[in-house]
C-alpha atoms as a PDB file:
ATOM      1  CA  MET A   1     195.420 -30.229 204.328  1.00  0.00           C
ATOM      2  CA  THR A   2     198.380 -32.557 204.687  1.00  0.00           C
ATOM      3  CA  ILE A   3     198.902 -36.232 203.959  1.00  0.00           C
ATOM      4  CA  ARG A   4     201.501 -38.088 205.960  1.00  0.00           C
ATOM      5  CA  ARG A   5     202.507 -41.614 206.808  1.00  0.00           C
ATOM      6  CA  ALA A   6     200.984 -42.802 210.075  1.00  0.00           C
ATOM      7  CA  THR A   7     203.321 -43.872 212.865  1.00  0.00           C
ATOM      8  CA  PRO A   8     202.661 -46.046 215.914  1.00  0.00           C
ATOM      9  CA  ALA A   9     201.667 -42.844 217.743  1.00  0.00           C
ATOM     10  CA  ASP A  10     198.697 -42.594 215.335  1.00  0.00           C
ATOM     11  CA  ALA A  11     197.325 -46.043 216.222  1.00  0.00           C
ATOM     12  CA  ALA A  12     194.194 -44.759 217.989  1.00  0.00           C
ATOM     13  CA  THR A  13     193.343 -42.472 215.054  1.00  0.00           C
ATOM     14  CA  VAL A  14     193.882 -45.211 212.483  1.00  0.00           C
ATOM     15  CA  HIS A  15     191.788 -47.610 214.573  1.00  0.00           C
ATOM     16  CA  MET A  16     188.963 -45.051 214.734  1.00  0.00           C
ATOM     17  CA  LEU A  17     189.061 -44.459 210.962  1.00  0.00           C
ATOM     18  CA  VAL A  18     189.071 -48.196 210.203  1.00  0.00           C
ATOM     19  CA  ARG A  19     186.058 -48.685 212.469  1.00  0.00           C
ATOM     20  CA  GLU A  20     184.264 -45.780 210.768  1.00  0.00           C
ATOM     21  CA  LEU A  21     184.870 -47.324 207.354  1.00  0.00           C
ATOM     22  CA  ALA A  22     183.676 -50.722 208.566  1.00  0.00           C
ATOM     23  CA  ALA A  23     180.515 -49.133 210.001  1.00  0.00           C
ATOM     24  CA  HIS A  24     179.952 -47.288 206.701  1.00  0.00           C
ATOM     25  CA  GLU A  25     180.177 -50.632 204.871  1.00  0.00           C
ATOM     26  CA  GLY A  26     178.076 -52.490 207.475  1.00  0.00           C
ATOM     27  CA  SER A  27     181.056 -54.691 208.321  1.00  0.00           C
ATOM     28  CA  GLN A  28     181.942 -53.603 211.839  1.00  0.00           C
ATOM     29  CA  ASP A  29     181.685 -57.205 213.092  1.00  0.00           C
ATOM     30  CA  HIS A  30     184.684 -58.080 210.915  1.00  0.00           C
ATOM     31  CA  VAL A  31     187.071 -55.594 212.547  1.00  0.00           C
ATOM     32  CA  ARG A  32     189.119 -57.433 215.143  1.00  0.00           C
ATOM     33  CA  VAL A  33     192.299 -55.354 215.164  1.00  0.00           C
ATOM     34  CA  THR A  34     192.831 -53.219 218.253  1.00  0.00           C
ATOM     35  CA  ALA A  35     194.556 -49.872 218.631  1.00  0.00           C
ATOM     36  CA  ALA A  36     197.404 -51.698 220.384  1.00  0.00           C
ATOM     37  CA  ARG A  37     197.811 -54.007 217.394  1.00  0.00           C
ATOM     38  CA  TRP A  38     197.721 -50.991 215.062  1.00  0.00           C
ATOM     39  CA  ALA A  39     200.680 -49.566 216.987  1.00  0.00           C
ATOM     40  CA  GLN A  40     202.600 -52.750 216.109  1.00  0.00           C
ATOM     41  CA  LEU A  41     201.442 -52.814 212.488  1.00  0.00           C
ATOM     42  CA  LEU A  42     202.331 -49.171 211.889  1.00  0.00           C
ATOM     43  CA  ASP A  43     205.908 -49.963 212.924  1.00  0.00           C
ATOM     44  CA  ARG A  44     206.303 -52.427 210.031  1.00  0.00           C
ATOM     45  CA  ASP A  45     208.010 -51.333 206.808  1.00  0.00           C
ATOM     46  CA  ASP A  46     205.581 -53.318 204.624  1.00  0.00           C
ATOM     47  CA  VAL A  47     202.464 -51.699 206.121  1.00  0.00           C
ATOM     48  CA  VAL A  48     201.618 -48.244 204.763  1.00  0.00           C
ATOM     49  CA  VAL A  49     198.877 -46.063 206.196  1.00  0.00           C
ATOM     50  CA  LEU A  50     198.599 -42.502 204.990  1.00  0.00           C
ATOM     51  CA  VAL A  51     196.430 -40.105 206.973  1.00  0.00           C
ATOM     52  CA  ALA A  52     194.992 -36.913 205.546  1.00  0.00           C
ATOM     53  CA  GLU A  53     194.443 -34.222 208.131  1.00  0.00           C
ATOM     54  CA  ARG A  54     193.641 -30.576 208.551  1.00  0.00           C
ATOM     55  CA  ALA A  55     194.493 -28.692 211.738  1.00  0.00           C
ATOM     56  CA  GLY A  56     195.206 -31.992 213.499  1.00  0.00           C
ATOM     57  CA  ARG A  57     191.827 -33.522 212.557  1.00  0.00           C
ATOM     58  CA  ALA A  58     191.866 -36.739 210.529  1.00  0.00           C
ATOM     59  CA  LEU A  59     189.908 -36.402 207.269  1.00  0.00           C
ATOM     60  CA  GLY A  60     190.559 -39.849 205.836  1.00  0.00           C
ATOM     61  CA  TYR A  61     193.169 -42.468 205.161  1.00  0.00           C
ATOM     62  CA  THR A  62     194.437 -45.063 202.771  1.00  0.00           C
ATOM     63  CA  SER A  63     196.199 -48.266 203.697  1.00  0.00           C
ATOM     64  CA  ALA A  64     198.356 -50.649 201.711  1.00  0.00           C
ATOM     65  CA  VAL A  65     200.687 -53.586 202.142  1.00  0.00           C
ATOM     66  CA  ARG A  66     203.816 -54.193 200.110  1.00  0.00           C
ATOM     67  CA  ARG A  67     203.776 -57.811 199.021  1.00  0.00           C
ATOM     68  CA  LEU A  68     205.364 -60.193 196.573  1.00  0.00           C
ATOM     69  CA  HIS A  69     203.713 -60.690 193.193  1.00  0.00           C
ATOM     70  CA  LEU A  70     204.653 -64.205 192.181  1.00  0.00           C
ATOM     71  CA  TRP A  71     204.061 -63.795 188.438  1.00  0.00           C
ATOM     72  CA  THR A  72     206.555 -60.954 188.149  1.00  0.00           C
ATOM     73  CA  GLY A  73     208.869 -61.928 190.979  1.00  0.00           C
ATOM     74  CA  GLY A  74     208.675 -58.342 192.199  1.00  0.00           C
ATOM     75  CA  ASP A  75     206.582 -56.512 194.737  1.00  0.00           C
ATOM     76  CA  VAL A  76     203.285 -54.670 194.387  1.00  0.00           C
ATOM     77  CA  LEU A  77     201.671 -52.216 196.721  1.00  0.00           C
ATOM     78  CA  ALA A  78     198.261 -53.712 197.491  1.00  0.00           C
ATOM     79  CA  VAL A  79     195.875 -50.957 198.568  1.00  0.00           C
ATOM     80  CA  ASP A  80     193.421 -52.177 201.163  1.00  0.00           C
ATOM     81  CA  ASP A  81     191.301 -49.161 202.071  1.00  0.00           C
ATOM     82  CA  VAL A  82     190.604 -45.684 200.785  1.00  0.00           C
ATOM     83  CA  TYR A  83     188.315 -43.811 203.158  1.00  0.00           C
ATOM     84  CA  VAL A  84     187.247 -40.198 203.312  1.00  0.00           C
ATOM     85  CA  ARG A  85     185.050 -39.130 206.190  1.00  0.00           C
ATOM     86  CA  PRO A  86     181.530 -37.830 205.515  1.00  0.00           C
ATOM     87  CA  GLY A  87     181.614 -34.081 205.097  1.00  0.00           C
ATOM     88  CA  GLU A  88     185.046 -34.277 203.457  1.00  0.00           C
ATOM     89  CA  ARG A  89     183.999 -36.174 200.332  1.00  0.00           C
ATOM     90  CA  ASP A  90     183.901 -34.598 196.872  1.00  0.00           C
ATOM     91  CA  ALA A  91     186.876 -32.397 197.753  1.00  0.00           C
ATOM     92  CA  ASP A  92     189.497 -34.367 195.746  1.00  0.00           C
ATOM     93  CA  LEU A  93     190.809 -36.058 198.898  1.00  0.00           C
ATOM     94  CA  GLY A  94     190.505 -39.629 197.579  1.00  0.00           C
ATOM     95  CA  ARG A  95     192.579 -38.733 194.532  1.00  0.00           C
ATOM     96  CA  ARG A  96     195.159 -37.019 196.712  1.00  0.00           C
ATOM     97  CA  LEU A  97     195.409 -40.041 199.019  1.00  0.00           C
ATOM     98  CA  LEU A  98     195.874 -42.479 196.135  1.00  0.00           C
ATOM     99  CA  THR A  99     198.343 -40.140 194.435  1.00  0.00           C
ATOM    100  CA  ALA A 100     200.349 -40.049 197.667  1.00  0.00           C
ATOM    101  CA  VAL A 101     200.426 -43.874 197.692  1.00  0.00           C
ATOM    102  CA  ALA A 102     201.555 -43.795 194.056  1.00  0.00           C
ATOM    103  CA  GLY A 103     204.366 -41.486 195.123  1.00  0.00           C
ATOM    104  CA  LEU A 104     205.562 -44.149 197.562  1.00  0.00           C
ATOM    105  CA  ALA A 105     205.330 -46.881 194.915  1.00  0.00           C
ATOM    106  CA  ASP A 106     207.026 -44.929 192.138  1.00  0.00           C
ATOM    107  CA  PRO A 107     210.684 -45.049 193.250  1.00  0.00           C
ATOM    108  CA  ASP A 108     210.595 -48.870 193.025  1.00  0.00           C
ATOM    109  CA  GLY A 109     208.238 -48.940 190.020  1.00  0.00           C
ATOM    110  CA  LEU A 110     205.638 -50.897 191.996  1.00  0.00           C
ATOM    111  CA  ALA A 111     202.196 -51.443 190.531  1.00  0.00           C
ATOM    112  CA  LEU A 112     199.255 -50.547 192.758  1.00  0.00           C
ATOM    113  CA  THR A 113     196.422 -53.034 193.066  1.00  0.00           C
ATOM    114  CA  TRP A 114     193.128 -52.910 194.934  1.00  0.00           C
ATOM    115  CA  GLY A 115     189.635 -54.293 194.908  1.00  0.00           C
ATOM    116  CA  VAL A 116     186.271 -52.627 194.690  1.00  0.00           C
ATOM    117  CA  GLU A 117     182.833 -54.065 195.330  1.00  0.00           C
ATOM    118  CA  PRO A 118     180.853 -54.792 192.135  1.00  0.00           C
ATOM    119  CA  ASP A 119     177.961 -52.590 193.253  1.00  0.00           C
ATOM    120  CA  ASN A 120     180.173 -49.630 194.175  1.00  0.00           C
ATOM    121  CA  THR A 121     179.812 -47.944 190.811  1.00  0.00           C
ATOM    122  CA  ALA A 122     180.742 -44.507 192.160  1.00  0.00           C
ATOM    123  CA  ALA A 123     184.132 -45.841 193.272  1.00  0.00           C
ATOM    124  CA  GLN A 124     184.569 -47.616 189.946  1.00  0.00           C
ATOM    125  CA  ARG A 125     183.943 -44.358 188.061  1.00  0.00           C
ATOM    126  CA  PHE A 126     186.396 -42.565 190.368  1.00  0.00           C
ATOM    127  CA  TYR A 127     189.115 -45.183 189.805  1.00  0.00           C
ATOM    128  CA  ALA A 128     188.536 -45.139 186.044  1.00  0.00           C
ATOM    129  CA  ARG A 129     188.952 -41.335 186.050  1.00  0.00           C
ATOM    130  CA  LEU A 130     192.329 -41.847 187.735  1.00  0.00           C
ATOM    131  CA  GLY A 131     193.333 -44.108 184.862  1.00  0.00           C
ATOM    132  CA  ALA A 132     193.068 -47.387 186.764  1.00  0.00           C
ATOM    133  CA  THR A 133     192.231 -50.530 184.834  1.00  0.00           C
ATOM    134  CA  LEU A 134     189.062 -52.178 186.113  1.00  0.00           C
ATOM    135  CA  ARG A 135     188.725 -55.948 185.681  1.00  0.00           C
ATOM    136  CA  GLU A 136     186.002 -58.243 186.866  1.00  0.00           C
ATOM    137  CA  LYS A 137     187.323 -60.839 189.252  1.00  0.00           C
ATOM    138  CA  VAL A 138     185.773 -62.857 192.021  1.00  0.00           C
ATOM    139  CA  VAL A 139     187.792 -62.791 195.213  1.00  0.00           C
ATOM    140  CA  ALA A 140     187.521 -65.918 197.319  1.00  0.00           C
ATOM    141  CA  GLY A 141     188.072 -66.023 201.053  1.00  0.00           C
ATOM    142  CA  TRP A 142     188.512 -69.178 203.090  1.00  0.00           C
ATOM    143  CA  SER A 143     187.975 -68.683 206.808  1.00  0.00           C
ATOM    144  CA  PRO A 144     189.671 -70.948 209.357  1.00  0.00           C
ATOM    145  CA  SER A 145     186.316 -72.434 210.379  1.00  0.00           C
ATOM    146  CA  ALA A 146     185.652 -73.381 206.744  1.00  0.00           C
ATOM    147  CA  TYR A 147     189.054 -74.815 205.860  1.00  0.00           C
ATOM    148  CA  ARG A 148     189.320 -76.703 209.156  1.00  0.00           C
ATOM    149  CA  ARG A 149     186.366 -78.836 208.016  1.00  0.00           C
ATOM    150  CA  CYS A 150     188.413 -79.835 204.959  1.00  0.00           C
ATOM    151  CA  LEU A 151     191.462 -80.481 207.104  1.00  0.00           C
ATOM    152  CA  ALA A 152     189.411 -82.689 209.428  1.00  0.00           C
ATOM    153  CA  ALA A 153     187.937 -84.614 206.491  1.00  0.00           C
ATOM    154  CA  ALA A 154     191.411 -85.095 204.987  1.00  0.00           C
ATOM    155  CA  ALA A 155     192.743 -86.384 208.304  1.00  0.00           C
ATOM    156  CA  VAL A 156     189.956 -88.952 208.471  1.00  0.00           C
ATOM    157  CA  THR A 157     190.760 -90.294 205.007  1.00  0.00           C
ATOM    158  CA  ARG A 158     194.481 -90.739 205.697  1.00  0.00           C
END
């Protein structure tokens, strides 16, 4: 088994894995990125996707984005997804994927951050075993359709 950084040539594979994860989470309607867009994203320095594979077959992936952390003035590596395909789970692959991301963060001393759903207790136990600090935090999202209502109301009151 190998873990390597995905390149634009891996766009179709990454797209397939992302769609599998979204289907697993019941969120496939939220995936709008195309394989063509993945080819562009995988060419960016700040976008990291690591693919685990055996004999050319993708087993899972992790994705992250390097971004500015305003409190420290430095960057963090914000992990977005950690996905291991069914049939490959419980074989230490998730730990290996996250350790590989840590290896990318380490030369610059970047902290890794990520979120986990409150009801995903198995993932929380896994992250705690890695030594991650788990904190409760509500993550808010403001969609364009929602904030445009506020923008329209503000324009009316001007």
